[in-house]
Amino acid sequence: MKPIGLEELEARLTAQRRLLMWLVKELPADKAARLVAELWEPFPPQDAQEDPGAVPVDAFAAAAGYTAEIRTILRDVRSSILPPSEDKL
């Protein structure tokens, strides 16, 4: 498989984000709420450190990226289905 460029990678991520947003919006309200609550929790890095962040490692960068992307998707979903006064994320 040949490496892909930044523009293609961005296009793929945008397509995946749109698909995920659509899927979440189509869930029944109770299941969507459960999914949002579960995904909103921070993603723990897998490096077996007692003091996460004491030694910078790639796991923390990946975890931060994961958390930022999930929260962006969830905010976009909420803002598309809730009036602005109810959107608290």
PDB file of N, CA and C in Angstrom:
ATOM      1  N   MET A   1       0.847  -1.173   0.000  1.00  0.00           N
ATOM      2  CA  MET A   1       0.000   0.000   0.000  1.00  0.00           C
ATOM      3  C   MET A   1       0.894   1.238   0.000  1.00  0.00           C
ATOM      4  N   LYS A   2       0.625   2.155  -0.913  1.00  0.00           N
ATOM      5  CA  LYS A   2       1.441   3.365  -0.993  1.00  0.00           C
ATOM      6  C   LYS A   2       1.021   4.360   0.085  1.00  0.00           C
ATOM      7  N   PRO A   3       1.952   5.161   0.556  1.00  0.00           N
ATOM      8  CA  PRO A   3       1.603   6.169   1.560  1.00  0.00           C
ATOM      9  C   PRO A   3       0.628   7.191   0.976  1.00  0.00           C
ATOM     10  N   ILE A   4      -0.237   7.708   1.833  1.00  0.00           N
ATOM     11  CA  ILE A   4      -1.196   8.711   1.363  1.00  0.00           C
ATOM     12  C   ILE A   4      -0.739  10.091   1.811  1.00  0.00           C
ATOM     13  N   GLY A   5      -1.143  11.088   1.060  1.00  0.00           N
ATOM     14  CA  GLY A   5      -0.780  12.459   1.390  1.00  0.00           C
ATOM     15  C   GLY A   5      -1.675  13.039   2.471  1.00  0.00           C
ATOM     16  N   LEU A   6      -1.269  14.187   2.956  1.00  0.00           N
ATOM     17  CA  LEU A   6      -2.014  14.859   4.018  1.00  0.00           C
ATOM     18  C   LEU A   6      -3.432  15.219   3.578  1.00  0.00           C
ATOM     19  N   GLU A   7      -3.592  15.675   2.343  1.00  0.00           N
ATOM     20  CA  GLU A   7      -4.929  16.046   1.858  1.00  0.00           C
ATOM     21  C   GLU A   7      -5.858  14.839   1.798  1.00  0.00           C
ATOM     22  N   GLU A   8      -5.337  13.706   1.334  1.00  0.00           N
ATOM     23  CA  GLU A   8      -6.172  12.502   1.276  1.00  0.00           C
ATOM     24  C   GLU A   8      -6.511  12.013   2.677  1.00  0.00           C
ATOM     25  N   LEU A   9      -5.549  12.068   3.580  1.00  0.00           N
ATOM     26  CA  LEU A   9      -5.797  11.661   4.961  1.00  0.00           C
ATOM     27  C   LEU A   9      -6.879  12.537   5.589  1.00  0.00           C
ATOM     28  N   GLU A  10      -6.779  13.842   5.366  1.00  0.00           N
ATOM     29  CA  GLU A  10      -7.788  14.752   5.908  1.00  0.00           C
ATOM     30  C   GLU A  10      -9.171  14.466   5.319  1.00  0.00           C
ATOM     31  N   ALA A  11      -9.227  14.179   4.022  1.00  0.00           N
ATOM     32  CA  ALA A  11     -10.509  13.853   3.379  1.00  0.00           C
ATOM     33  C   ALA A  11     -11.100  12.575   3.964  1.00  0.00           C
ATOM     34  N   ARG A  12     -10.267  11.583   4.195  1.00  0.00           N
ATOM     35  CA  ARG A  12     -10.757  10.325   4.779  1.00  0.00           C
ATOM     36  C   ARG A  12     -11.286  10.544   6.188  1.00  0.00           C
ATOM     37  N   LEU A  13     -10.550  11.313   6.993  1.00  0.00           N
ATOM     38  CA  LEU A  13     -10.998  11.585   8.359  1.00  0.00           C
ATOM     39  C   LEU A  13     -12.311  12.363   8.369  1.00  0.00           C
ATOM     40  N   THR A  14     -12.449  13.309   7.461  1.00  0.00           N
ATOM     41  CA  THR A  14     -13.693  14.074   7.363  1.00  0.00           C
ATOM     42  C   THR A  14     -14.855  13.159   7.005  1.00  0.00           C
ATOM     43  N   ALA A  15     -14.631  12.251   6.069  1.00  0.00           N
ATOM     44  CA  ALA A  15     -15.681  11.301   5.682  1.00  0.00           C
ATOM     45  C   ALA A  15     -16.061  10.404   6.858  1.00  0.00           C
ATOM     46  N   GLN A  16     -15.071   9.919   7.593  1.00  0.00           N
ATOM     47  CA  GLN A  16     -15.353   9.065   8.747  1.00  0.00           C
ATOM     48  C   GLN A  16     -16.104   9.839   9.826  1.00  0.00           C
ATOM     49  N   ARG A  17     -15.709  11.088  10.048  1.00  0.00           N
ATOM     50  CA  ARG A  17     -16.399  11.905  11.050  1.00  0.00           C
ATOM     51  C   ARG A  17     -17.862  12.106  10.666  1.00  0.00           C
ATOM     52  N   ARG A  18     -18.123  12.402   9.400  1.00  0.00           N
ATOM     53  CA  ARG A  18     -19.510  12.595   8.952  1.00  0.00           C
ATOM     54  C   ARG A  18     -20.325  11.321   9.121  1.00  0.00           C
ATOM     55  N   LEU A  19     -19.731  10.183   8.799  1.00  0.00           N
ATOM     56  CA  LEU A  19     -20.426   8.907   8.959  1.00  0.00           C
ATOM     57  C   LEU A  19     -20.729   8.639  10.430  1.00  0.00           C
ATOM     58  N   LEU A  20     -19.749   8.846  11.301  1.00  0.00           N
ATOM     59  CA  LEU A  20     -19.967   8.627  12.733  1.00  0.00           C
ATOM     60  C   LEU A  20     -21.042   9.559  13.283  1.00  0.00           C
ATOM     61  N   MET A  21     -21.007  10.810  12.866  1.00  0.00           N
ATOM     62  CA  MET A  21     -22.030  11.753  13.329  1.00  0.00           C
ATOM     63  C   MET A  21     -23.414  11.289  12.902  1.00  0.00           C
ATOM     64  N   TRP A  22     -23.538  10.831  11.674  1.00  0.00           N
ATOM     65  CA  TRP A  22     -24.838  10.357  11.191  1.00  0.00           C
ATOM     66  C   TRP A  22     -25.298   9.151  12.001  1.00  0.00           C
ATOM     67  N   LEU A  23     -24.396   8.214  12.242  1.00  0.00           N
ATOM     68  CA  LEU A  23     -24.763   7.012  12.995  1.00  0.00           C
ATOM     69  C   LEU A  23     -25.234   7.359  14.402  1.00  0.00           C
ATOM     70  N   VAL A  24     -24.523   8.246  15.078  1.00  0.00           N
ATOM     71  CA  VAL A  24     -24.918   8.626  16.436  1.00  0.00           C
ATOM     72  C   VAL A  24     -26.268   9.333  16.424  1.00  0.00           C
ATOM     73  N   LYS A  25     -26.492  10.208  15.446  1.00  0.00           N
ATOM     74  CA  LYS A  25     -27.777  10.919  15.374  1.00  0.00           C
ATOM     75  C   LYS A  25     -28.939   9.971  15.119  1.00  0.00           C
ATOM     76  N   GLU A  26     -28.688   8.837  14.488  1.00  0.00           N
ATOM     77  CA  GLU A  26     -29.749   7.877  14.180  1.00  0.00           C
ATOM     78  C   GLU A  26     -30.059   6.935  15.342  1.00  0.00           C
ATOM     79  N   LEU A  27     -29.229   6.921  16.373  1.00  0.00           N
ATOM     80  CA  LEU A  27     -29.478   6.058  17.532  1.00  0.00           C
ATOM     81  C   LEU A  27     -30.683   6.560  18.322  1.00  0.00           C
ATOM     82  N   PRO A  28     -31.394   5.640  18.988  1.00  0.00           N
ATOM     83  CA  PRO A  28     -32.429   6.084  19.926  1.00  0.00           C
ATOM     84  C   PRO A  28     -31.784   6.950  21.015  1.00  0.00           C
ATOM     85  N   ALA A  29     -32.522   7.892  21.556  1.00  0.00           N
ATOM     86  CA  ALA A  29     -31.982   8.871  22.504  1.00  0.00           C
ATOM     87  C   ALA A  29     -31.259   8.230  23.686  1.00  0.00           C
ATOM     88  N   ASP A  30     -31.816   7.153  24.263  1.00  0.00           N
ATOM     89  CA  ASP A  30     -31.174   6.542  25.429  1.00  0.00           C
ATOM     90  C   ASP A  30     -29.828   5.923  25.066  1.00  0.00           C
ATOM     91  N   LYS A  31     -29.750   5.280  23.915  1.00  0.00           N
ATOM     92  CA  LYS A  31     -28.483   4.669  23.492  1.00  0.00           C
ATOM     93  C   LYS A  31     -27.463   5.737  23.109  1.00  0.00           C
ATOM     94  N   ALA A  32     -27.919   6.795  22.475  1.00  0.00           N
ATOM     95  CA  ALA A  32     -27.013   7.888  22.115  1.00  0.00           C
ATOM     96  C   ALA A  32     -26.444   8.534  23.375  1.00  0.00           C
ATOM     97  N   ALA A  33     -27.287   8.734  24.387  1.00  0.00           N
ATOM     98  CA  ALA A  33     -26.829   9.336  25.642  1.00  0.00           C
ATOM     99  C   ALA A  33     -25.794   8.449  26.321  1.00  0.00           C
ATOM    100  N   ARG A  34     -26.029   7.140  26.312  1.00  0.00           N
ATOM    101  CA  ARG A  34     -25.078   6.202  26.913  1.00  0.00           C
ATOM    102  C   ARG A  34     -23.748   6.220  26.162  1.00  0.00           C
ATOM    103  N   LEU A  35     -23.819   6.243  24.840  1.00  0.00           N
ATOM    104  CA  LEU A  35     -22.610   6.283  24.020  1.00  0.00           C
ATOM    105  C   LEU A  35     -21.820   7.566  24.269  1.00  0.00           C
ATOM    106  N   VAL A  36     -22.518   8.693  24.299  1.00  0.00           N
ATOM    107  CA  VAL A  36     -21.855   9.974  24.549  1.00  0.00           C
ATOM    108  C   VAL A  36     -21.190   9.973  25.919  1.00  0.00           C
ATOM    109  N   ALA A  37     -21.884   9.483  26.942  1.00  0.00           N
ATOM    110  CA  ALA A  37     -21.312   9.443  28.291  1.00  0.00           C
ATOM    111  C   ALA A  37     -20.063   8.566  28.335  1.00  0.00           C
ATOM    112  N   GLU A  38     -20.115   7.429  27.669  1.00  0.00           N
ATOM    113  CA  GLU A  38     -18.970   6.512  27.658  1.00  0.00           C
ATOM    114  C   GLU A  38     -17.784   7.115  26.912  1.00  0.00           C
ATOM    115  N   LEU A  39     -18.048   7.693  25.754  1.00  0.00           N
ATOM    116  CA  LEU A  39     -16.962   8.229  24.933  1.00  0.00           C
ATOM    117  C   LEU A  39     -16.385   9.522  25.484  1.00  0.00           C
ATOM    118  N   TRP A  40     -17.159  10.245  26.290  1.00  0.00           N
ATOM    119  CA  TRP A  40     -16.674  11.514  26.830  1.00  0.00           C
ATOM    120  C   TRP A  40     -15.558  11.295  27.850  1.00  0.00           C
ATOM    121  N   GLU A  41     -15.518  10.110  28.461  1.00  0.00           N
ATOM    122  CA  GLU A  41     -14.476   9.816  29.443  1.00  0.00           C
ATOM    123  C   GLU A  41     -13.111   9.810  28.765  1.00  0.00           C
ATOM    124  N   PRO A  42     -12.079  10.307  29.454  1.00  0.00           N
ATOM    125  CA  PRO A  42     -10.738  10.318  28.854  1.00  0.00           C
ATOM    126  C   PRO A  42     -10.251   8.909  28.530  1.00  0.00           C
ATOM    127  N   PHE A  43      -9.478   8.814  27.490  1.00  0.00           N
ATOM    128  CA  PHE A  43      -8.901   7.547  27.039  1.00  0.00           C
ATOM    129  C   PHE A  43      -7.590   7.340  27.784  1.00  0.00           C
ATOM    130  N   PRO A  44      -7.477   6.298  28.620  1.00  0.00           N
ATOM    131  CA  PRO A  44      -6.242   6.130  29.397  1.00  0.00           C
ATOM    132  C   PRO A  44      -5.090   5.602  28.541  1.00  0.00           C
ATOM    133  N   PRO A  45      -3.927   6.234  28.630  1.00  0.00           N
ATOM    134  CA  PRO A  45      -2.766   5.712  27.901  1.00  0.00           C
ATOM    135  C   PRO A  45      -2.349   4.356  28.449  1.00  0.00           C
ATOM    136  N   GLN A  46      -1.793   3.532  27.604  1.00  0.00           N
ATOM    137  CA  GLN A  46      -1.418   2.178  27.994  1.00  0.00           C
ATOM    138  C   GLN A  46       0.098   2.069  28.138  1.00  0.00           C
ATOM    139  N   ASP A  47       0.655   2.680  29.181  1.00  0.00           N
ATOM    140  CA  ASP A  47       2.103   2.580  29.344  1.00  0.00           C
ATOM    141  C   ASP A  47       2.511   2.077  30.725  1.00  0.00           C
ATOM    142  N   ALA A  48       1.556   1.738  31.570  1.00  0.00           N
ATOM    143  CA  ALA A  48       1.793   1.165  32.899  1.00  0.00           C
ATOM    144  C   ALA A  48       2.527   2.119  33.832  1.00  0.00           C
ATOM    145  N   GLN A  49       2.410   3.405  33.639  1.00  0.00           N
ATOM    146  CA  GLN A  49       3.036   4.378  34.529  1.00  0.00           C
ATOM    147  C   GLN A  49       2.142   4.589  35.750  1.00  0.00           C
ATOM    148  N   GLU A  50       2.761   4.674  36.927  1.00  0.00           N
ATOM    149  CA  GLU A  50       1.983   5.004  38.119  1.00  0.00           C
ATOM    150  C   GLU A  50       1.588   6.475  38.104  1.00  0.00           C
ATOM    151  N   ASP A  51       2.451   7.319  37.552  1.00  0.00           N
ATOM    152  CA  ASP A  51       2.195   8.750  37.482  1.00  0.00           C
ATOM    153  C   ASP A  51       2.126   9.165  36.020  1.00  0.00           C
ATOM    154  N   PRO A  52       0.948   9.028  35.408  1.00  0.00           N
ATOM    155  CA  PRO A  52       0.841   9.371  33.992  1.00  0.00           C
ATOM    156  C   PRO A  52       1.297  10.801  33.734  1.00  0.00           C
ATOM    157  N   GLY A  53       2.145  10.948  32.759  1.00  0.00           N
ATOM    158  CA  GLY A  53       2.657  12.258  32.412  1.00  0.00           C
ATOM    159  C   GLY A  53       4.001  12.563  33.021  1.00  0.00           C
ATOM    160  N   ALA A  54       4.472  11.713  33.954  1.00  0.00           N
ATOM    161  CA  ALA A  54       5.776  11.944  34.565  1.00  0.00           C
ATOM    162  C   ALA A  54       6.883  11.836  33.527  1.00  0.00           C
ATOM    163  N   VAL A  55       6.731  10.915  32.611  1.00  0.00           N
ATOM    164  CA  VAL A  55       7.686  10.743  31.523  1.00  0.00           C
ATOM    165  C   VAL A  55       6.905  10.871  30.224  1.00  0.00           C
ATOM    166  N   PRO A  56       7.215  11.900  29.413  1.00  0.00           N
ATOM    167  CA  PRO A  56       6.448  12.054  28.172  1.00  0.00           C
ATOM    168  C   PRO A  56       6.695  10.893  27.216  1.00  0.00           C
ATOM    169  N   VAL A  57       5.637  10.322  26.735  1.00  0.00           N
ATOM    170  CA  VAL A  57       5.743   9.223  25.779  1.00  0.00           C
ATOM    171  C   VAL A  57       4.681   9.407  24.707  1.00  0.00           C
ATOM    172  N   ASP A  58       4.858   8.688  23.618  1.00  0.00           N
ATOM    173  CA  ASP A  58       3.912   8.782  22.505  1.00  0.00           C
ATOM    174  C   ASP A  58       2.494   8.393  22.904  1.00  0.00           C
ATOM    175  N   ALA A  59       2.355   7.522  23.900  1.00  0.00           N
ATOM    176  CA  ALA A  59       1.017   7.086  24.315  1.00  0.00           C
ATOM    177  C   ALA A  59       0.168   8.272  24.756  1.00  0.00           C
ATOM    178  N   PHE A  60       0.791   9.259  25.383  1.00  0.00           N
ATOM    179  CA  PHE A  60       0.034  10.416  25.857  1.00  0.00           C
ATOM    180  C   PHE A  60      -0.384  11.319  24.706  1.00  0.00           C
ATOM    181  N   ALA A  61       0.454  11.435  23.691  1.00  0.00           N
ATOM    182  CA  ALA A  61       0.081  12.222  22.508  1.00  0.00           C
ATOM    183  C   ALA A  61      -1.090  11.558  21.797  1.00  0.00           C
ATOM    184  N   ALA A  62      -1.040  10.245  21.672  1.00  0.00           N
ATOM    185  CA  ALA A  62      -2.133   9.511  21.028  1.00  0.00           C
ATOM    186  C   ALA A  62      -3.417   9.649  21.842  1.00  0.00           C
ATOM    187  N   ALA A  63      -3.309   9.559  23.160  1.00  0.00           N
ATOM    188  CA  ALA A  63      -4.487   9.685  24.023  1.00  0.00           C
ATOM    189  C   ALA A  63      -5.089  11.081  23.917  1.00  0.00           C
ATOM    190  N   ALA A  64      -4.249  12.095  23.882  1.00  0.00           N
ATOM    191  CA  ALA A  64      -4.743  13.468  23.756  1.00  0.00           C
ATOM    192  C   ALA A  64      -5.432  13.665  22.408  1.00  0.00           C
ATOM    193  N   GLY A  65      -4.856  13.117  21.358  1.00  0.00           N
ATOM    194  CA  GLY A  65      -5.466  13.215  20.033  1.00  0.00           C
ATOM    195  C   GLY A  65      -6.795  12.495  19.974  1.00  0.00           C
ATOM    196  N   TYR A  66      -6.853  11.311  20.579  1.00  0.00           N
ATOM    197  CA  TYR A  66      -8.091  10.526  20.628  1.00  0.00           C
ATOM    198  C   TYR A  66      -9.184  11.316  21.348  1.00  0.00           C
ATOM    199  N   THR A  67      -8.841  11.826  22.526  1.00  0.00           N
ATOM    200  CA  THR A  67      -9.815  12.563  23.326  1.00  0.00           C
ATOM    201  C   THR A  67     -10.305  13.804  22.590  1.00  0.00           C
ATOM    202  N   ALA A  68      -9.393  14.533  21.980  1.00  0.00           N
ATOM    203  CA  ALA A  68      -9.782  15.741  21.244  1.00  0.00           C
ATOM    204  C   ALA A  68     -10.711  15.406  20.083  1.00  0.00           C
ATOM    205  N   GLU A  69     -10.406  14.353  19.346  1.00  0.00           N
ATOM    206  CA  GLU A  69     -11.231  13.993  18.187  1.00  0.00           C
ATOM    207  C   GLU A  69     -12.615  13.519  18.619  1.00  0.00           C
ATOM    208  N   ILE A  70     -12.678  12.664  19.632  1.00  0.00           N
ATOM    209  CA  ILE A  70     -13.974  12.177  20.126  1.00  0.00           C
ATOM    210  C   ILE A  70     -14.828  13.350  20.593  1.00  0.00           C
ATOM    211  N   ARG A  71     -14.243  14.251  21.363  1.00  0.00           N
ATOM    212  CA  ARG A  71     -15.019  15.380  21.879  1.00  0.00           C
ATOM    213  C   ARG A  71     -15.463  16.317  20.769  1.00  0.00           C
ATOM    214  N   THR A  72     -14.649  16.485  19.738  1.00  0.00           N
ATOM    215  CA  THR A  72     -15.058  17.297  18.590  1.00  0.00           C
ATOM    216  C   THR A  72     -16.263  16.674  17.901  1.00  0.00           C
ATOM    217  N   ILE A  73     -16.211  15.371  17.689  1.00  0.00           N
ATOM    218  CA  ILE A  73     -17.331  14.675  17.047  1.00  0.00           C
ATOM    219  C   ILE A  73     -18.587  14.790  17.905  1.00  0.00           C
ATOM    220  N   LEU A  74     -18.451  14.558  19.208  1.00  0.00           N
ATOM    221  CA  LEU A  74     -19.616  14.616  20.092  1.00  0.00           C
ATOM    222  C   LEU A  74     -20.206  16.020  20.147  1.00  0.00           C
ATOM    223  N   ARG A  75     -19.356  17.038  20.181  1.00  0.00           N
ATOM    224  CA  ARG A  75     -19.860  18.419  20.165  1.00  0.00           C
ATOM    225  C   ARG A  75     -20.619  18.698  18.873  1.00  0.00           C
ATOM    226  N   ASP A  76     -20.056  18.243  17.753  1.00  0.00           N
ATOM    227  CA  ASP A  76     -20.720  18.454  16.465  1.00  0.00           C
ATOM    228  C   ASP A  76     -22.077  17.755  16.418  1.00  0.00           C
ATOM    229  N   VAL A  77     -22.139  16.539  16.949  1.00  0.00           N
ATOM    230  CA  VAL A  77     -23.411  15.805  16.975  1.00  0.00           C
ATOM    231  C   VAL A  77     -24.418  16.553  17.838  1.00  0.00           C
ATOM    232  N   ARG A  78     -24.001  16.923  19.038  1.00  0.00           N
ATOM    233  CA  ARG A  78     -24.923  17.619  19.946  1.00  0.00           C
ATOM    234  C   ARG A  78     -25.408  18.931  19.352  1.00  0.00           C
ATOM    235  N   SER A  79     -24.505  19.691  18.752  1.00  0.00           N
ATOM    236  CA  SER A  79     -24.918  20.989  18.211  1.00  0.00           C
ATOM    237  C   SER A  79     -25.844  20.839  17.012  1.00  0.00           C
ATOM    238  N   SER A  80     -25.780  19.691  16.351  1.00  0.00           N
ATOM    239  CA  SER A  80     -26.663  19.495  15.199  1.00  0.00           C
ATOM    240  C   SER A  80     -28.048  18.983  15.594  1.00  0.00           C
ATOM    241  N   ILE A  81     -28.191  18.459  16.831  1.00  0.00           N
ATOM    242  CA  ILE A  81     -29.496  17.920  17.229  1.00  0.00           C
ATOM    243  C   ILE A  81     -30.144  18.676  18.382  1.00  0.00           C
ATOM    244  N   LEU A  82     -29.384  19.521  19.080  1.00  0.00           N
ATOM    245  CA  LEU A  82     -29.946  20.263  20.213  1.00  0.00           C
ATOM    246  C   LEU A  82     -29.978  21.756  19.914  1.00  0.00           C
ATOM    247  N   PRO A  83     -30.967  22.451  20.438  1.00  0.00           N
ATOM    248  CA  PRO A  83     -30.942  23.906  20.332  1.00  0.00           C
ATOM    249  C   PRO A  83     -29.740  24.447  21.111  1.00  0.00           C
ATOM    250  N   PRO A  84     -29.188  25.601  20.743  1.00  0.00           N
ATOM    251  CA  PRO A  84     -28.002  26.140  21.421  1.00  0.00           C
ATOM    252  C   PRO A  84     -28.151  26.262  22.929  1.00  0.00           C
ATOM    253  N   SER A  85     -29.339  26.543  23.440  1.00  0.00           N
ATOM    254  CA  SER A  85     -29.533  26.693  24.885  1.00  0.00           C
ATOM    255  C   SER A  85     -29.366  25.380  25.639  1.00  0.00           C
ATOM    256  N   GLU A  86     -29.519  24.242  24.965  1.00  0.00           N
ATOM    257  CA  GLU A  86     -29.404  22.945  25.624  1.00  0.00           C
ATOM    258  C   GLU A  86     -28.051  22.288  25.401  1.00  0.00           C
ATOM    259  N   ASP A  87     -27.239  22.815  24.513  1.00  0.00           N
ATOM    260  CA  ASP A  87     -25.958  22.207  24.179  1.00  0.00           C
ATOM    261  C   ASP A  87     -24.918  22.618  25.215  1.00  0.00           C
ATOM    262  N   LYS A  88     -24.621  21.722  26.160  1.00  0.00           N
ATOM    263  CA  LYS A  88     -23.723  22.044  27.274  1.00  0.00           C
ATOM    264  C   LYS A  88     -22.338  21.420  27.146  1.00  0.00           C
ATOM    265  N   LEU A  89     -22.034  20.681  26.089  1.00  0.00           N
ATOM    266  CA  LEU A  89     -20.707  20.065  25.956  1.00  0.00           C
ATOM    267  C   LEU A  89     -19.689  21.067  25.506  1.00  0.00           C
TER     268      LEU A  89
END
